[in-house]
């Protein structure tokens, strides 16, 4: 059952209130959903660590103390826990790199996607989204947050190169809840004179996003780092051809069902965009393989494996 806590995540108070709540409720096994595990936890512990982003990108934290706290918290969580769960072999490698623990202590249990992305939106919904966003041209779609490791400045650079190659009818649509916080992306758009061709959509509901996946010519996601990377899987389940990064967990997640590019090279990203837009056979192949690949991930399977980890730790 959930353990309520009013303490702020990643706070000193969390180190005190969580153990007290565990003592009060007589819990036998505590599953921490993030990497802060109180050192004095009075029962067996499983921790889920999705990625090592706070160790790899310390600039995302508010200061040096926060980075130090993150490093200590990672160490305490991995040492104090009986088992560590993570979401990809790539994340497991990162955890083992930063934390001195045995490889057999870390279990990989994949994420899965919302079932809505496995279903085809009805024709009215697709028509409404097309009309609402005036989608009368071909377009590339990105969905996710817009933090720097998502590599969107380079995506915009690559898109400018694509247009210089004669793809002037193509638009780029970017959705993400933190768009207003990253003025650098808007500056990049103006630098390349793309303000009429790149659109920032802000946060989208799952239903709207599902319709956009079906309308998009391709989904672009050349991220520099992902613990798992749900958006490419959502796009593949929707039948959208996917261009993604050759780094981190993404090749592991997409398998042979996406076009991989070098995310550090805007020219490589532009080449991938051009290839996926101009090769009908490639798009059809990626659509077919993508749906098959996405079907291999399910929450039912993930839940079974989490429950098996609970039983294993409880019996130890």
C-alpha atoms as a PDB file:
ATOM      1  CA  UNK A   1       0.000   0.000   0.000  1.00  0.00           C
ATOM      2  CA  UNK A   2       1.177   3.591  -0.530  1.00  0.00           C
ATOM      3  CA  UNK A   3       2.968   5.222   2.399  1.00  0.00           C
ATOM      4  CA  UNK A   4       1.825   8.852   2.658  1.00  0.00           C
ATOM      5  CA  UNK A   5       4.500  11.429   3.425  1.00  0.00           C
ATOM      6  CA  UNK A   6       4.224  15.206   3.573  1.00  0.00           C
ATOM      7  CA  UNK A   7       7.981  15.680   3.393  1.00  0.00           C
ATOM      8  CA  UNK A   8       9.398  17.193   0.236  1.00  0.00           C
ATOM      9  CA  UNK A   9      11.232  14.748  -2.012  1.00  0.00           C
ATOM     10  CA  UNK A  10      15.030  14.871  -1.705  1.00  0.00           C
ATOM     11  CA  UNK A  11      14.792  16.710   1.647  1.00  0.00           C
ATOM     12  CA  UNK A  12      16.468  16.107   5.007  1.00  0.00           C
ATOM     13  CA  UNK A  13      12.987  15.817   6.574  1.00  0.00           C
ATOM     14  CA  UNK A  14      12.313  12.846   4.305  1.00  0.00           C
ATOM     15  CA  UNK A  15      15.198  11.018   6.008  1.00  0.00           C
ATOM     16  CA  UNK A  16      13.320  11.249   9.330  1.00  0.00           C
ATOM     17  CA  UNK A  17       9.608  11.076   8.563  1.00  0.00           C
ATOM     18  CA  UNK A  18       9.684   8.020   6.285  1.00  0.00           C
ATOM     19  CA  UNK A  19      11.378   5.709   8.863  1.00  0.00           C
ATOM     20  CA  UNK A  20       8.965   6.922  11.567  1.00  0.00           C
ATOM     21  CA  UNK A  21       5.975   6.178   9.335  1.00  0.00           C
ATOM     22  CA  UNK A  22       7.376   2.735   8.556  1.00  0.00           C
ATOM     23  CA  UNK A  23       7.802   1.983  12.265  1.00  0.00           C
ATOM     24  CA  UNK A  24       4.281   3.181  13.043  1.00  0.00           C
ATOM     25  CA  UNK A  25       2.665   1.057  10.342  1.00  0.00           C
ATOM     26  CA  UNK A  26       4.766  -2.080  10.902  1.00  0.00           C
ATOM     27  CA  UNK A  27       5.770  -2.417   7.246  1.00  0.00           C
ATOM     28  CA  UNK A  28       7.861  -5.498   6.321  1.00  0.00           C
ATOM     29  CA  UNK A  29       9.038  -4.300   2.907  1.00  0.00           C
ATOM     30  CA  UNK A  30       9.429  -0.725   1.658  1.00  0.00           C
ATOM     31  CA  UNK A  31       9.616   0.001  -2.086  1.00  0.00           C
ATOM     32  CA  UNK A  32      11.114   3.459  -2.684  1.00  0.00           C
ATOM     33  CA  UNK A  33      10.070   4.789  -6.120  1.00  0.00           C
ATOM     34  CA  UNK A  34      13.058   7.154  -6.374  1.00  0.00           C
ATOM     35  CA  UNK A  35      16.669   7.077  -5.269  1.00  0.00           C
ATOM     36  CA  UNK A  36      16.276   8.713  -1.843  1.00  0.00           C
ATOM     37  CA  UNK A  37      16.130   5.870   0.695  1.00  0.00           C
ATOM     38  CA  UNK A  38      16.396   6.922   4.356  1.00  0.00           C
ATOM     39  CA  UNK A  39      19.522   5.433   5.921  1.00  0.00           C
ATOM     40  CA  UNK A  40      17.574   4.360   9.029  1.00  0.00           C
ATOM     41  CA  UNK A  41      14.767   2.528   7.223  1.00  0.00           C
ATOM     42  CA  UNK A  42      13.646  -0.182   9.724  1.00  0.00           C
ATOM     43  CA  UNK A  43      12.700  -2.916   7.216  1.00  0.00           C
ATOM     44  CA  UNK A  44      13.770  -4.553   3.977  1.00  0.00           C
ATOM     45  CA  UNK A  45      14.026  -2.126   1.069  1.00  0.00           C
ATOM     46  CA  UNK A  46      13.669  -2.227  -2.710  1.00  0.00           C
ATOM     47  CA  UNK A  47      14.508   0.940  -4.623  1.00  0.00           C
ATOM     48  CA  UNK A  48      13.683   1.874  -8.210  1.00  0.00           C
ATOM     49  CA  UNK A  49      16.313   4.019  -9.941  1.00  0.00           C
ATOM     50  CA  UNK A  50      15.128   5.004 -13.396  1.00  0.00           C
ATOM     51  CA  UNK A  51      18.346   6.704 -14.486  1.00  0.00           C
ATOM     52  CA  UNK A  52      21.455   8.502 -13.252  1.00  0.00           C
ATOM     53  CA  UNK A  53      20.548  11.856 -14.743  1.00  0.00           C
ATOM     54  CA  UNK A  54      21.262  13.842 -11.560  1.00  0.00           C
ATOM     55  CA  UNK A  55      24.778  12.412 -11.489  1.00  0.00           C
ATOM     56  CA  UNK A  56      25.416  12.826 -15.208  1.00  0.00           C
ATOM     57  CA  UNK A  57      23.806  16.279 -15.539  1.00  0.00           C
ATOM     58  CA  UNK A  58      24.417  18.041 -12.196  1.00  0.00           C
ATOM     59  CA  UNK A  59      23.405  21.357 -13.782  1.00  0.00           C
ATOM     60  CA  UNK A  60      19.786  20.204 -13.469  1.00  0.00           C
ATOM     61  CA  UNK A  61      20.079  20.435  -9.684  1.00  0.00           C
ATOM     62  CA  UNK A  62      19.773  23.781  -7.868  1.00  0.00           C
ATOM     63  CA  UNK A  63      23.363  23.907  -6.605  1.00  0.00           C
ATOM     64  CA  UNK A  64      26.466  22.128  -5.334  1.00  0.00           C
ATOM     65  CA  UNK A  65      24.816  20.986  -2.116  1.00  0.00           C
ATOM     66  CA  UNK A  66      21.996  19.367  -4.095  1.00  0.00           C
ATOM     67  CA  UNK A  67      24.525  17.542  -6.275  1.00  0.00           C
ATOM     68  CA  UNK A  68      26.429  16.335  -3.207  1.00  0.00           C
ATOM     69  CA  UNK A  69      23.146  15.214  -1.637  1.00  0.00           C
ATOM     70  CA  UNK A  70      22.249  13.317  -4.831  1.00  0.00           C
ATOM     71  CA  UNK A  71      25.587  11.490  -4.840  1.00  0.00           C
ATOM     72  CA  UNK A  72      25.216  10.529  -1.174  1.00  0.00           C
ATOM     73  CA  UNK A  73      21.578   9.523  -1.699  1.00  0.00           C
ATOM     74  CA  UNK A  74      22.517   7.266  -4.614  1.00  0.00           C
ATOM     75  CA  UNK A  75      25.174   5.576  -2.501  1.00  0.00           C
ATOM     76  CA  UNK A  76      22.864   5.099   0.500  1.00  0.00           C
ATOM     77  CA  UNK A  77      19.983   3.853  -1.657  1.00  0.00           C
ATOM     78  CA  UNK A  78      22.004   1.234  -3.492  1.00  0.00           C
ATOM     79  CA  UNK A  79      23.826   0.003  -0.375  1.00  0.00           C
ATOM     80  CA  UNK A  80      20.828   0.051   1.982  1.00  0.00           C
ATOM     81  CA  UNK A  81      18.461  -1.707  -0.435  1.00  0.00           C
ATOM     82  CA  UNK A  82      18.255  -5.457  -0.739  1.00  0.00           C
ATOM     83  CA  UNK A  83      17.424  -5.070  -4.418  1.00  0.00           C
ATOM     84  CA  UNK A  84      17.669  -2.257  -6.968  1.00  0.00           C
ATOM     85  CA  UNK A  85      15.172  -2.143  -9.829  1.00  0.00           C
ATOM     86  CA  UNK A  86      15.883  -0.194 -12.992  1.00  0.00           C
ATOM     87  CA  UNK A  87      14.295   0.146 -16.404  1.00  0.00           C
ATOM     88  CA  UNK A  88      17.016  -0.789 -18.917  1.00  0.00           C
ATOM     89  CA  UNK A  89      20.356  -2.546 -19.217  1.00  0.00           C
ATOM     90  CA  UNK A  90      21.833   0.863 -20.067  1.00  0.00           C
ATOM     91  CA  UNK A  91      20.613   2.284 -16.749  1.00  0.00           C
ATOM     92  CA  UNK A  92      21.955  -0.782 -14.959  1.00  0.00           C
ATOM     93  CA  UNK A  93      25.400  -0.117 -16.449  1.00  0.00           C
ATOM     94  CA  UNK A  94      25.212   3.508 -15.295  1.00  0.00           C
ATOM     95  CA  UNK A  95      24.192   2.489 -11.767  1.00  0.00           C
ATOM     96  CA  UNK A  96      27.080   0.022 -11.564  1.00  0.00           C
ATOM     97  CA  UNK A  97      29.435   2.723 -12.859  1.00  0.00           C
ATOM     98  CA  UNK A  98      28.474   5.223 -10.151  1.00  0.00           C
ATOM     99  CA  UNK A  99      27.705   2.861  -7.257  1.00  0.00           C
ATOM    100  CA  UNK A 100      29.935   0.075  -5.938  1.00  0.00           C
ATOM    101  CA  UNK A 101      27.377  -2.739  -5.765  1.00  0.00           C
ATOM    102  CA  UNK A 102      27.155  -6.279  -7.141  1.00  0.00           C
ATOM    103  CA  UNK A 103      25.603  -6.635 -10.615  1.00  0.00           C
ATOM    104  CA  UNK A 104      23.253  -9.377  -9.359  1.00  0.00           C
ATOM    105  CA  UNK A 105      21.689  -6.885  -6.949  1.00  0.00           C
ATOM    106  CA  UNK A 106      20.213  -4.915  -9.876  1.00  0.00           C
ATOM    107  CA  UNK A 107      17.177  -6.241 -11.779  1.00  0.00           C
ATOM    108  CA  UNK A 108      16.071  -4.736 -15.092  1.00  0.00           C
ATOM    109  CA  UNK A 109      12.287  -4.445 -15.454  1.00  0.00           C
ATOM    110  CA  UNK A 110      11.203  -2.559 -18.553  1.00  0.00           C
ATOM    111  CA  UNK A 111       8.619   0.196 -18.651  1.00  0.00           C
ATOM    112  CA  UNK A 112       5.585   0.028 -20.924  1.00  0.00           C
ATOM    113  CA  UNK A 113       3.207   2.562 -22.431  1.00  0.00           C
ATOM    114  CA  UNK A 114      -0.345   3.763 -21.918  1.00  0.00           C
ATOM    115  CA  UNK A 115      -2.764   1.464 -23.783  1.00  0.00           C
ATOM    116  CA  UNK A 116      -4.259   4.484 -25.553  1.00  0.00           C
ATOM    117  CA  UNK A 117      -1.239   4.551 -27.851  1.00  0.00           C
ATOM    118  CA  UNK A 118      -1.974   0.991 -28.996  1.00  0.00           C
ATOM    119  CA  UNK A 119      -5.389   2.038 -30.284  1.00  0.00           C
ATOM    120  CA  UNK A 120      -6.158   3.990 -33.444  1.00  0.00           C
ATOM    121  CA  UNK A 121      -7.907   7.278 -32.595  1.00  0.00           C
ATOM    122  CA  UNK A 122     -11.286   7.608 -34.267  1.00  0.00           C
ATOM    123  CA  UNK A 123     -11.569   9.632 -37.456  1.00  0.00           C
ATOM    124  CA  UNK A 124     -13.367  12.532 -35.762  1.00  0.00           C
ATOM    125  CA  UNK A 125     -10.638  12.885 -33.146  1.00  0.00           C
ATOM    126  CA  UNK A 126      -7.911  12.904 -35.798  1.00  0.00           C
ATOM    127  CA  UNK A 127      -9.849  15.435 -37.892  1.00  0.00           C
ATOM    128  CA  UNK A 128     -10.381  17.680 -34.857  1.00  0.00           C
ATOM    129  CA  UNK A 129      -6.669  17.681 -33.999  1.00  0.00           C
ATOM    130  CA  UNK A 130      -5.722  18.329 -37.632  1.00  0.00           C
ATOM    131  CA  UNK A 131      -8.080  21.315 -37.730  1.00  0.00           C
ATOM    132  CA  UNK A 132      -7.162  22.650 -34.273  1.00  0.00           C
ATOM    133  CA  UNK A 133      -3.449  22.800 -35.151  1.00  0.00           C
ATOM    134  CA  UNK A 134      -3.967  23.534 -38.875  1.00  0.00           C
ATOM    135  CA  UNK A 135      -1.911  20.517 -39.929  1.00  0.00           C
ATOM    136  CA  UNK A 136      -2.115  20.707 -43.700  1.00  0.00           C
ATOM    137  CA  UNK A 137       1.585  20.042 -44.434  1.00  0.00           C
ATOM    138  CA  UNK A 138       3.891  17.148 -43.715  1.00  0.00           C
ATOM    139  CA  UNK A 139       5.429  17.388 -40.267  1.00  0.00           C
ATOM    140  CA  UNK A 140       7.964  15.890 -37.901  1.00  0.00           C
ATOM    141  CA  UNK A 141       6.942  15.522 -34.267  1.00  0.00           C
ATOM    142  CA  UNK A 142       8.863  15.624 -30.986  1.00  0.00           C
ATOM    143  CA  UNK A 143       7.203  14.908 -27.646  1.00  0.00           C
ATOM    144  CA  UNK A 144       8.776  14.945 -24.196  1.00  0.00           C
ATOM    145  CA  UNK A 145      10.330  17.445 -21.844  1.00  0.00           C
ATOM    146  CA  UNK A 146      12.633  20.088 -23.266  1.00  0.00           C
ATOM    147  CA  UNK A 147      15.645  19.876 -20.977  1.00  0.00           C
ATOM    148  CA  UNK A 148      19.040  20.267 -22.677  1.00  0.00           C
ATOM    149  CA  UNK A 149      19.846  16.530 -22.801  1.00  0.00           C
ATOM    150  CA  UNK A 150      16.819  16.083 -25.068  1.00  0.00           C
ATOM    151  CA  UNK A 151      19.008  17.717 -27.731  1.00  0.00           C
ATOM    152  CA  UNK A 152      16.336  19.964 -29.213  1.00  0.00           C
ATOM    153  CA  UNK A 153      18.703  22.771 -30.205  1.00  0.00           C
ATOM    154  CA  UNK A 154      20.468  20.261 -32.422  1.00  0.00           C
ATOM    155  CA  UNK A 155      17.109  19.005 -33.726  1.00  0.00           C
ATOM    156  CA  UNK A 156      16.283  22.579 -34.778  1.00  0.00           C
ATOM    157  CA  UNK A 157      19.724  22.908 -36.412  1.00  0.00           C
ATOM    158  CA  UNK A 158      19.138  19.625 -38.277  1.00  0.00           C
ATOM    159  CA  UNK A 159      15.676  20.762 -39.348  1.00  0.00           C
ATOM    160  CA  UNK A 160      17.161  23.974 -40.792  1.00  0.00           C
ATOM    161  CA  UNK A 161      19.614  21.841 -42.794  1.00  0.00           C
ATOM    162  CA  UNK A 162      16.746  19.640 -43.983  1.00  0.00           C
ATOM    163  CA  UNK A 163      14.874  22.659 -45.339  1.00  0.00           C
ATOM    164  CA  UNK A 164      17.996  23.802 -47.171  1.00  0.00           C
ATOM    165  CA  UNK A 165      17.890  20.462 -49.004  1.00  0.00           C
ATOM    166  CA  UNK A 166      14.497  21.294 -50.511  1.00  0.00           C
ATOM    167  CA  UNK A 167      12.082  20.015 -47.853  1.00  0.00           C
ATOM    168  CA  UNK A 168      10.462  23.430 -47.463  1.00  0.00           C
ATOM    169  CA  UNK A 169       6.925  22.069 -47.039  1.00  0.00           C
ATOM    170  CA  UNK A 170       7.804  20.141 -43.859  1.00  0.00           C
ATOM    171  CA  UNK A 171       7.042  21.541 -40.399  1.00  0.00           C
ATOM    172  CA  UNK A 172       8.515  20.633 -36.996  1.00  0.00           C
ATOM    173  CA  UNK A 173       6.140  20.346 -34.028  1.00  0.00           C
ATOM    174  CA  UNK A 174       7.586  20.293 -30.499  1.00  0.00           C
ATOM    175  CA  UNK A 175       5.471  19.432 -27.477  1.00  0.00           C
ATOM    176  CA  UNK A 176       6.688  19.600 -23.895  1.00  0.00           C
ATOM    177  CA  UNK A 177       5.463  20.966 -20.598  1.00  0.00           C
ATOM    178  CA  UNK A 178       8.472  23.159 -19.795  1.00  0.00           C
ATOM    179  CA  UNK A 179       8.753  25.000 -23.119  1.00  0.00           C
ATOM    180  CA  UNK A 180       8.289  28.451 -21.568  1.00  0.00           C
ATOM    181  CA  UNK A 181      11.378  27.871 -19.390  1.00  0.00           C
ATOM    182  CA  UNK A 182      13.762  27.332 -22.305  1.00  0.00           C
ATOM    183  CA  UNK A 183      14.081  30.549 -24.287  1.00  0.00           C
ATOM    184  CA  UNK A 184      17.195  29.125 -25.967  1.00  0.00           C
ATOM    185  CA  UNK A 185      14.966  27.008 -28.208  1.00  0.00           C
ATOM    186  CA  UNK A 186      13.023  30.027 -29.399  1.00  0.00           C
ATOM    187  CA  UNK A 187      16.305  31.851 -30.006  1.00  0.00           C
ATOM    188  CA  UNK A 188      17.492  28.906 -32.103  1.00  0.00           C
ATOM    189  CA  UNK A 189      14.278  29.055 -34.136  1.00  0.00           C
ATOM    190  CA  UNK A 190      14.786  32.768 -34.839  1.00  0.00           C
ATOM    191  CA  UNK A 191      18.490  32.278 -35.563  1.00  0.00           C
ATOM    192  CA  UNK A 192      17.590  29.939 -38.424  1.00  0.00           C
ATOM    193  CA  UNK A 193      14.549  32.042 -39.440  1.00  0.00           C
ATOM    194  CA  UNK A 194      12.226  29.118 -38.753  1.00  0.00           C
ATOM    195  CA  UNK A 195       9.497  30.889 -36.778  1.00  0.00           C
ATOM    196  CA  UNK A 196       6.921  30.016 -39.468  1.00  0.00           C
ATOM    197  CA  UNK A 197       8.015  26.394 -39.657  1.00  0.00           C
ATOM    198  CA  UNK A 198       8.653  25.293 -36.028  1.00  0.00           C
ATOM    199  CA  UNK A 199       5.716  25.243 -33.620  1.00  0.00           C
ATOM    200  CA  UNK A 200       5.791  24.830 -29.828  1.00  0.00           C
ATOM    201  CA  UNK A 201       2.612  23.131 -28.657  1.00  0.00           C
ATOM    202  CA  UNK A 202       3.150  23.000 -24.901  1.00  0.00           C
ATOM    203  CA  UNK A 203       1.690  20.198 -22.792  1.00  0.00           C
ATOM    204  CA  UNK A 204      -0.672  17.843 -24.641  1.00  0.00           C
ATOM    205  CA  UNK A 205      -3.211  15.355 -23.342  1.00  0.00           C
ATOM    206  CA  UNK A 206      -2.603  11.683 -24.140  1.00  0.00           C
ATOM    207  CA  UNK A 207      -5.568  11.678 -26.539  1.00  0.00           C
ATOM    208  CA  UNK A 208      -4.276  14.701 -28.467  1.00  0.00           C
ATOM    209  CA  UNK A 209      -0.778  13.245 -28.570  1.00  0.00           C
ATOM    210  CA  UNK A 210      -2.124   9.914 -29.851  1.00  0.00           C
ATOM    211  CA  UNK A 211      -3.822  11.737 -32.743  1.00  0.00           C
ATOM    212  CA  UNK A 212      -0.640  13.700 -33.515  1.00  0.00           C
ATOM    213  CA  UNK A 213       1.395  10.489 -33.621  1.00  0.00           C
ATOM    214  CA  UNK A 214      -1.006   9.146 -36.258  1.00  0.00           C
ATOM    215  CA  UNK A 215      -0.796  12.354 -38.295  1.00  0.00           C
ATOM    216  CA  UNK A 216       2.997  12.808 -38.139  1.00  0.00           C
ATOM    217  CA  UNK A 217       5.239  11.700 -40.986  1.00  0.00           C
ATOM    218  CA  UNK A 218       7.902  10.751 -38.451  1.00  0.00           C
ATOM    219  CA  UNK A 219       8.771  11.082 -34.782  1.00  0.00           C
ATOM    220  CA  UNK A 220      12.217  12.519 -33.951  1.00  0.00           C
ATOM    221  CA  UNK A 221      13.873  11.788 -30.607  1.00  0.00           C
ATOM    222  CA  UNK A 222      17.703  12.035 -30.831  1.00  0.00           C
ATOM    223  CA  UNK A 223      18.159  12.364 -27.058  1.00  0.00           C
ATOM    224  CA  UNK A 224      21.629  12.344 -25.503  1.00  0.00           C
ATOM    225  CA  UNK A 225      20.539  10.328 -22.473  1.00  0.00           C
ATOM    226  CA  UNK A 226      17.520   8.253 -21.436  1.00  0.00           C
ATOM    227  CA  UNK A 227      16.929   5.771 -18.660  1.00  0.00           C
ATOM    228  CA  UNK A 228      14.331   4.149 -20.894  1.00  0.00           C
ATOM    229  CA  UNK A 229      12.623   6.535 -23.327  1.00  0.00           C
ATOM    230  CA  UNK A 230       8.845   6.102 -23.492  1.00  0.00           C
ATOM    231  CA  UNK A 231       8.006   8.531 -26.354  1.00  0.00           C
ATOM    232  CA  UNK A 232       9.659   6.473 -29.146  1.00  0.00           C
ATOM    233  CA  UNK A 233       7.721   3.424 -27.944  1.00  0.00           C
ATOM    234  CA  UNK A 234       4.467   5.419 -27.915  1.00  0.00           C
ATOM    235  CA  UNK A 235       5.136   6.578 -31.472  1.00  0.00           C
ATOM    236  CA  UNK A 236       5.959   3.054 -32.670  1.00  0.00           C
ATOM    237  CA  UNK A 237       2.765   1.670 -31.088  1.00  0.00           C
ATOM    238  CA  UNK A 238       0.882   4.382 -32.997  1.00  0.00           C
ATOM    239  CA  UNK A 239       2.426   3.309 -36.302  1.00  0.00           C
ATOM    240  CA  UNK A 240       4.676   6.359 -36.634  1.00  0.00           C
ATOM    241  CA  UNK A 241       8.185   5.860 -38.090  1.00  0.00           C
ATOM    242  CA  UNK A 242      10.789   6.770 -35.461  1.00  0.00           C
ATOM    243  CA  UNK A 243      14.182   8.461 -35.734  1.00  0.00           C
ATOM    244  CA  UNK A 244      16.146   8.219 -32.507  1.00  0.00           C
ATOM    245  CA  UNK A 245      19.572   8.243 -30.904  1.00  0.00           C
ATOM    246  CA  UNK A 246      22.249   5.578 -31.145  1.00  0.00           C
ATOM    247  CA  UNK A 247      23.221   6.287 -27.511  1.00  0.00           C
ATOM    248  CA  UNK A 248      22.120   5.297 -24.023  1.00  0.00           C
ATOM    249  CA  UNK A 249      19.068   3.033 -23.625  1.00  0.00           C
ATOM    250  CA  UNK A 250      17.398   3.964 -26.904  1.00  0.00           C
ATOM    251  CA  UNK A 251      18.899   1.276 -29.194  1.00  0.00           C
ATOM    252  CA  UNK A 252      17.977  -1.271 -26.518  1.00  0.00           C
ATOM    253  CA  UNK A 253      14.369  -0.080 -26.395  1.00  0.00           C
ATOM    254  CA  UNK A 254      13.670   0.354 -30.114  1.00  0.00           C
ATOM    255  CA  UNK A 255      15.688  -2.624 -31.365  1.00  0.00           C
ATOM    256  CA  UNK A 256      15.661  -2.833 -35.175  1.00  0.00           C
ATOM    257  CA  UNK A 257      12.412  -0.875 -35.404  1.00  0.00           C
ATOM    258  CA  UNK A 258      13.759   2.697 -35.650  1.00  0.00           C
ATOM    259  CA  UNK A 259      16.301   4.695 -37.628  1.00  0.00           C
ATOM    260  CA  UNK A 260      19.318   5.448 -35.413  1.00  0.00           C
ATOM    261  CA  UNK A 261      21.430   8.602 -35.798  1.00  0.00           C
ATOM    262  CA  UNK A 262      24.439  10.154 -34.078  1.00  0.00           C
ATOM    263  CA  UNK A 263      22.790  12.648 -31.694  1.00  0.00           C
ATOM    264  CA  UNK A 264      25.964  14.730 -31.398  1.00  0.00           C
ATOM    265  CA  UNK A 265      25.976  15.492 -35.146  1.00  0.00           C
ATOM    266  CA  UNK A 266      23.275  17.748 -36.625  1.00  0.00           C
ATOM    267  CA  UNK A 267      24.237  16.559 -40.112  1.00  0.00           C
ATOM    268  CA  UNK A 268      23.565  12.940 -39.107  1.00  0.00           C
ATOM    269  CA  UNK A 269      20.169  13.937 -37.692  1.00  0.00           C
ATOM    270  CA  UNK A 270      19.339  15.875 -40.879  1.00  0.00           C
ATOM    271  CA  UNK A 271      20.378  12.864 -42.988  1.00  0.00           C
ATOM    272  CA  UNK A 272      18.036  10.681 -40.946  1.00  0.00           C
ATOM    273  CA  UNK A 273      15.173  13.153 -41.348  1.00  0.00           C
ATOM    274  CA  UNK A 274      15.720  13.244 -45.110  1.00  0.00           C
ATOM    275  CA  UNK A 275      15.933   9.464 -45.376  1.00  0.00           C
ATOM    276  CA  UNK A 276      12.774   8.823 -43.382  1.00  0.00           C
ATOM    277  CA  UNK A 277      10.787  11.485 -45.284  1.00  0.00           C
ATOM    278  CA  UNK A 278      11.867  10.451 -48.776  1.00  0.00           C
ATOM    279  CA  UNK A 279      11.931   6.640 -48.534  1.00  0.00           C
ATOM    280  CA  UNK A 280       8.386   5.259 -48.541  1.00  0.00           C
ATOM    281  CA  UNK A 281       9.574   1.658 -48.215  1.00  0.00           C
ATOM    282  CA  UNK A 282      11.634   2.584 -45.144  1.00  0.00           C
ATOM    283  CA  UNK A 283       8.653   4.304 -43.520  1.00  0.00           C
ATOM    284  CA  UNK A 284       6.443   1.277 -44.160  1.00  0.00           C
ATOM    285  CA  UNK A 285       9.077  -1.087 -42.760  1.00  0.00           C
ATOM    286  CA  UNK A 286       9.589   1.028 -39.626  1.00  0.00           C
ATOM    287  CA  UNK A 287       5.826   1.283 -39.111  1.00  0.00           C
ATOM    288  CA  UNK A 288       5.460  -2.513 -39.315  1.00  0.00           C
ATOM    289  CA  UNK A 289       8.477  -3.310 -37.128  1.00  0.00           C
ATOM    290  CA  UNK A 290       7.616  -0.533 -34.677  1.00  0.00           C
ATOM    291  CA  UNK A 291       4.187  -1.934 -33.881  1.00  0.00           C
ATOM    292  CA  UNK A 292       5.677  -5.382 -33.325  1.00  0.00           C
ATOM    293  CA  UNK A 293       8.419  -3.991 -31.094  1.00  0.00           C
ATOM    294  CA  UNK A 294       6.037  -1.881 -29.003  1.00  0.00           C
ATOM    295  CA  UNK A 295       3.821  -4.920 -28.389  1.00  0.00           C
ATOM    296  CA  UNK A 296       6.742  -6.660 -26.654  1.00  0.00           C
ATOM    297  CA  UNK A 297       6.487  -4.277 -23.669  1.00  0.00           C
ATOM    298  CA  UNK A 298       3.533  -4.630 -21.290  1.00  0.00           C
ATOM    299  CA  UNK A 299       2.694  -3.416 -17.793  1.00  0.00           C
ATOM    300  CA  UNK A 300       1.327  -6.886 -16.975  1.00  0.00           C
ATOM    301  CA  UNK A 301       4.766  -8.398 -17.528  1.00  0.00           C
ATOM    302  CA  UNK A 302       6.472  -5.598 -15.590  1.00  0.00           C
ATOM    303  CA  UNK A 303       4.084  -5.952 -12.625  1.00  0.00           C
ATOM    304  CA  UNK A 304       4.658  -9.720 -12.493  1.00  0.00           C
ATOM    305  CA  UNK A 305       8.403  -9.150 -12.288  1.00  0.00           C
ATOM    306  CA  UNK A 306       8.056  -6.477  -9.585  1.00  0.00           C
ATOM    307  CA  UNK A 307       5.889  -8.839  -7.509  1.00  0.00           C
ATOM    308  CA  UNK A 308       8.492 -11.580  -7.990  1.00  0.00           C
ATOM    309  CA  UNK A 309      11.141  -9.182  -6.636  1.00  0.00           C
ATOM    310  CA  UNK A 310       8.914  -8.473  -3.604  1.00  0.00           C
ATOM    311  CA  UNK A 311       8.581 -12.202  -2.890  1.00  0.00           C
ATOM    312  CA  UNK A 312      12.316 -12.781  -3.324  1.00  0.00           C
ATOM    313  CA  UNK A 313      13.299  -9.961  -0.970  1.00  0.00           C
ATOM    314  CA  UNK A 314      10.620 -10.846   1.597  1.00  0.00           C
ATOM    315  CA  UNK A 315      11.881 -14.423   1.718  1.00  0.00           C
ATOM    316  CA  UNK A 316      15.547 -13.459   2.060  1.00  0.00           C
END
